Amino acid sequence: MARYEAHLHCPPLGSGTQQHTAEQLAGALGVELTWLDRRNASMALLLQPQGLSVRLLLEFQAPGEITLLLSSREGMGKGAPQTLSCFERVLALLSEQLPATQLRYRSDRDGPIKQR
């Protein structure tokens, strides 16, 4: 099972900005957005051509902290290329929407567990 995680830092976001950011991301990906609570959003993507199902979770933590988790059933033996490509696309879209965003941790680059 593929699992990619990223932690981003940006200027503090109000709840309206958080909602707008998540809605813009869902629109850019062409998927439906589901709010799990007021800080956590979920999206389900279907990657072509194989129809791979990918789950995207966004968590708006302390002011200016965003955690992104992307997971699928794609095998990690060859690096889960479809899931990784989707992960990179989501990170690029977020950096376009929030230009002041800094990537603090990325599991495929910094290791599977965030070191504090």
C-alpha atoms as a PDB file:
ATOM      1  CA  MET A   1       0.000   0.000   0.000  1.00  0.00           C
ATOM      2  CA  ALA A   2       1.404   3.377  -1.026  1.00  0.00           C
ATOM      3  CA  ARG A   3       1.428   6.201   1.497  1.00  0.00           C
ATOM      4  CA  TYR A   4       2.952   9.633   0.980  1.00  0.00           C
ATOM      5  CA  GLU A   5       2.895  12.413   3.549  1.00  0.00           C
ATOM      6  CA  ALA A   6       3.908  16.071   3.501  1.00  0.00           C
ATOM      7  CA  HIS A   7       3.958  18.837   6.099  1.00  0.00           C
ATOM      8  CA  LEU A   8       3.685  22.388   4.841  1.00  0.00           C
ATOM      9  CA  HIS A   9       4.085  25.728   6.561  1.00  0.00           C
ATOM     10  CA  CYS A  10       2.426  28.911   5.322  1.00  0.00           C
ATOM     11  CA  PRO A  11       1.184  32.200   6.755  1.00  0.00           C
ATOM     12  CA  PRO A  12      -1.722  31.586   9.180  1.00  0.00           C
ATOM     13  CA  LEU A  13      -4.936  30.703   7.368  1.00  0.00           C
ATOM     14  CA  GLY A  14      -8.386  31.622   8.634  1.00  0.00           C
ATOM     15  CA  SER A  15     -11.134  29.016   8.416  1.00  0.00           C
ATOM     16  CA  GLY A  16     -12.518  30.698   5.280  1.00  0.00           C
ATOM     17  CA  THR A  17      -9.120  30.534   3.583  1.00  0.00           C
ATOM     18  CA  GLN A  18      -8.705  26.890   4.592  1.00  0.00           C
ATOM     19  CA  GLN A  19     -12.085  26.041   3.104  1.00  0.00           C
ATOM     20  CA  HIS A  20     -11.324  28.004  -0.069  1.00  0.00           C
ATOM     21  CA  THR A  21      -7.922  26.295  -0.441  1.00  0.00           C
ATOM     22  CA  ALA A  22      -9.458  22.822  -0.109  1.00  0.00           C
ATOM     23  CA  GLU A  23     -12.274  23.689  -2.527  1.00  0.00           C
ATOM     24  CA  GLN A  24      -9.802  25.067  -5.102  1.00  0.00           C
ATOM     25  CA  LEU A  25      -7.677  21.928  -4.821  1.00  0.00           C
ATOM     26  CA  ALA A  26     -10.707  19.677  -5.278  1.00  0.00           C
ATOM     27  CA  GLY A  27     -11.792  21.726  -8.291  1.00  0.00           C
ATOM     28  CA  ALA A  28      -8.343  21.543  -9.879  1.00  0.00           C
ATOM     29  CA  LEU A  29      -8.305  17.772  -9.375  1.00  0.00           C
ATOM     30  CA  GLY A  30     -11.893  17.410 -10.600  1.00  0.00           C
ATOM     31  CA  VAL A  31     -13.049  15.555  -7.478  1.00  0.00           C
ATOM     32  CA  GLU A  32     -15.599  15.970  -4.726  1.00  0.00           C
ATOM     33  CA  LEU A  33     -14.534  17.390  -1.382  1.00  0.00           C
ATOM     34  CA  THR A  34     -15.810  15.984   1.902  1.00  0.00           C
ATOM     35  CA  TRP A  35     -15.256  17.832   5.176  1.00  0.00           C
ATOM     36  CA  LEU A  36     -14.693  15.335   7.994  1.00  0.00           C
ATOM     37  CA  ASP A  37     -14.781  18.175  10.524  1.00  0.00           C
ATOM     38  CA  ARG A  38     -13.890  21.867  10.386  1.00  0.00           C
ATOM     39  CA  ARG A  39     -10.125  21.199  10.007  1.00  0.00           C
ATOM     40  CA  ASN A  40      -9.981  17.943   8.020  1.00  0.00           C
ATOM     41  CA  ALA A  41     -10.966  17.395   4.405  1.00  0.00           C
ATOM     42  CA  SER A  42     -11.007  14.235   2.302  1.00  0.00           C
ATOM     43  CA  MET A  43     -10.978  13.651  -1.447  1.00  0.00           C
ATOM     44  CA  ALA A  44     -11.131  10.461  -3.496  1.00  0.00           C
ATOM     45  CA  LEU A  45      -9.370  10.325  -6.863  1.00  0.00           C
ATOM     46  CA  LEU A  46      -9.455   7.710  -9.592  1.00  0.00           C
ATOM     47  CA  LEU A  47      -6.191   7.642 -11.541  1.00  0.00           C
ATOM     48  CA  GLN A  48      -6.262   6.557 -15.161  1.00  0.00           C
ATOM     49  CA  PRO A  49      -5.553   4.379 -17.097  1.00  0.00           C
ATOM     50  CA  GLN A  50      -5.805   1.539 -14.532  1.00  0.00           C
ATOM     51  CA  GLY A  51      -8.466   3.217 -12.395  1.00  0.00           C
ATOM     52  CA  LEU A  52      -6.306   3.282  -9.277  1.00  0.00           C
ATOM     53  CA  SER A  53      -8.228   4.671  -6.293  1.00  0.00           C
ATOM     54  CA  VAL A  54      -6.321   7.273  -4.253  1.00  0.00           C
ATOM     55  CA  ARG A  55      -7.434   8.870  -0.993  1.00  0.00           C
ATOM     56  CA  LEU A  56      -6.261  12.402  -0.176  1.00  0.00           C
ATOM     57  CA  LEU A  57      -6.554  13.810   3.335  1.00  0.00           C
ATOM     58  CA  LEU A  58      -5.814  17.443   4.202  1.00  0.00           C
ATOM     59  CA  GLU A  59      -5.428  18.498   7.811  1.00  0.00           C
ATOM     60  CA  PHE A  60      -5.269  22.172   8.673  1.00  0.00           C
ATOM     61  CA  GLN A  61      -3.432  22.125  11.989  1.00  0.00           C
ATOM     62  CA  ALA A  62      -2.097  25.031  14.021  1.00  0.00           C
ATOM     63  CA  PRO A  63      -2.228  28.366  12.185  1.00  0.00           C
ATOM     64  CA  GLY A  64      -0.133  27.984   9.063  1.00  0.00           C
ATOM     65  CA  GLU A  65       0.443  24.228   9.328  1.00  0.00           C
ATOM     66  CA  ILE A  66      -1.008  21.826   6.764  1.00  0.00           C
ATOM     67  CA  THR A  67      -0.538  18.055   6.668  1.00  0.00           C
ATOM     68  CA  LEU A  68      -1.236  16.184   3.444  1.00  0.00           C
ATOM     69  CA  LEU A  69      -1.632  12.401   3.327  1.00  0.00           C
ATOM     70  CA  LEU A  70      -2.082  10.541   0.063  1.00  0.00           C
ATOM     71  CA  SER A  71      -2.628   6.766   0.030  1.00  0.00           C
ATOM     72  CA  SER A  72      -3.560   4.037  -2.423  1.00  0.00           C
ATOM     73  CA  ARG A  73      -3.348   0.267  -2.844  1.00  0.00           C
ATOM     74  CA  GLU A  74      -0.508   0.625  -5.353  1.00  0.00           C
ATOM     75  CA  GLY A  75       2.520  -1.439  -4.359  1.00  0.00           C
ATOM     76  CA  MET A  76       5.577   0.353  -2.998  1.00  0.00           C
ATOM     77  CA  GLY A  77       7.977  -2.227  -4.465  1.00  0.00           C
ATOM     78  CA  LYS A  78       8.635  -0.009  -7.497  1.00  0.00           C
ATOM     79  CA  GLY A  79       7.986   3.276  -5.694  1.00  0.00           C
ATOM     80  CA  ALA A  80       4.236   3.480  -6.489  1.00  0.00           C
ATOM     81  CA  PRO A  81       4.788   5.724  -9.548  1.00  0.00           C
ATOM     82  CA  GLN A  82       1.123   6.606 -10.153  1.00  0.00           C
ATOM     83  CA  THR A  83       0.538   7.558  -6.518  1.00  0.00           C
ATOM     84  CA  LEU A  84       3.819   9.473  -6.374  1.00  0.00           C
ATOM     85  CA  SER A  85       2.920  11.402  -9.533  1.00  0.00           C
ATOM     86  CA  CYS A  86      -0.443  12.323  -8.009  1.00  0.00           C
ATOM     87  CA  PHE A  87       1.311  13.380  -4.771  1.00  0.00           C
ATOM     88  CA  GLU A  88       3.665  15.656  -6.718  1.00  0.00           C
ATOM     89  CA  ARG A  89       0.734  17.167  -8.611  1.00  0.00           C
ATOM     90  CA  VAL A  90      -1.150  17.907  -5.374  1.00  0.00           C
ATOM     91  CA  LEU A  91       1.959  19.542  -3.863  1.00  0.00           C
ATOM     92  CA  ALA A  92       2.393  21.669  -7.011  1.00  0.00           C
ATOM     93  CA  LEU A  93      -1.263  22.759  -6.929  1.00  0.00           C
ATOM     94  CA  LEU A  94      -1.015  23.709  -3.258  1.00  0.00           C
ATOM     95  CA  SER A  95       2.144  25.726  -3.876  1.00  0.00           C
ATOM     96  CA  GLU A  96       0.344  27.584  -6.697  1.00  0.00           C
ATOM     97  CA  GLN A  97      -2.633  28.350  -4.453  1.00  0.00           C
ATOM     98  CA  LEU A  98      -0.500  29.316  -1.452  1.00  0.00           C
ATOM     99  CA  PRO A  99       2.718  30.783  -2.926  1.00  0.00           C
ATOM    100  CA  ALA A 100       4.281  31.480   0.488  1.00  0.00           C
ATOM    101  CA  THR A 101       4.059  27.796   1.424  1.00  0.00           C
ATOM    102  CA  GLN A 102       7.253  26.062   2.529  1.00  0.00           C
ATOM    103  CA  LEU A 103       7.580  22.289   2.349  1.00  0.00           C
ATOM    104  CA  ARG A 104       8.962  21.181   5.725  1.00  0.00           C
ATOM    105  CA  TYR A 105       8.720  17.401   5.368  1.00  0.00           C
ATOM    106  CA  ARG A 106       8.052  15.048   2.489  1.00  0.00           C
ATOM    107  CA  SER A 107       8.039  11.299   3.183  1.00  0.00           C
ATOM    108  CA  ASP A 108       9.490  10.230  -0.178  1.00  0.00           C
ATOM    109  CA  ARG A 109      12.402  12.634   0.285  1.00  0.00           C
ATOM    110  CA  ASP A 110      12.933  12.774   4.052  1.00  0.00           C
ATOM    111  CA  GLY A 111      12.061   9.225   5.107  1.00  0.00           C
ATOM    112  CA  PRO A 112       8.855   7.490   6.144  1.00  0.00           C
ATOM    113  CA  ILE A 113       8.681   9.052   9.621  1.00  0.00           C
ATOM    114  CA  LYS A 114       8.960  12.759  10.347  1.00  0.00           C
ATOM    115  CA  GLN A 115      11.940  13.482  12.591  1.00  0.00           C
ATOM    116  CA  ARG A 116      11.365  16.368  14.976  1.00  0.00           C
END
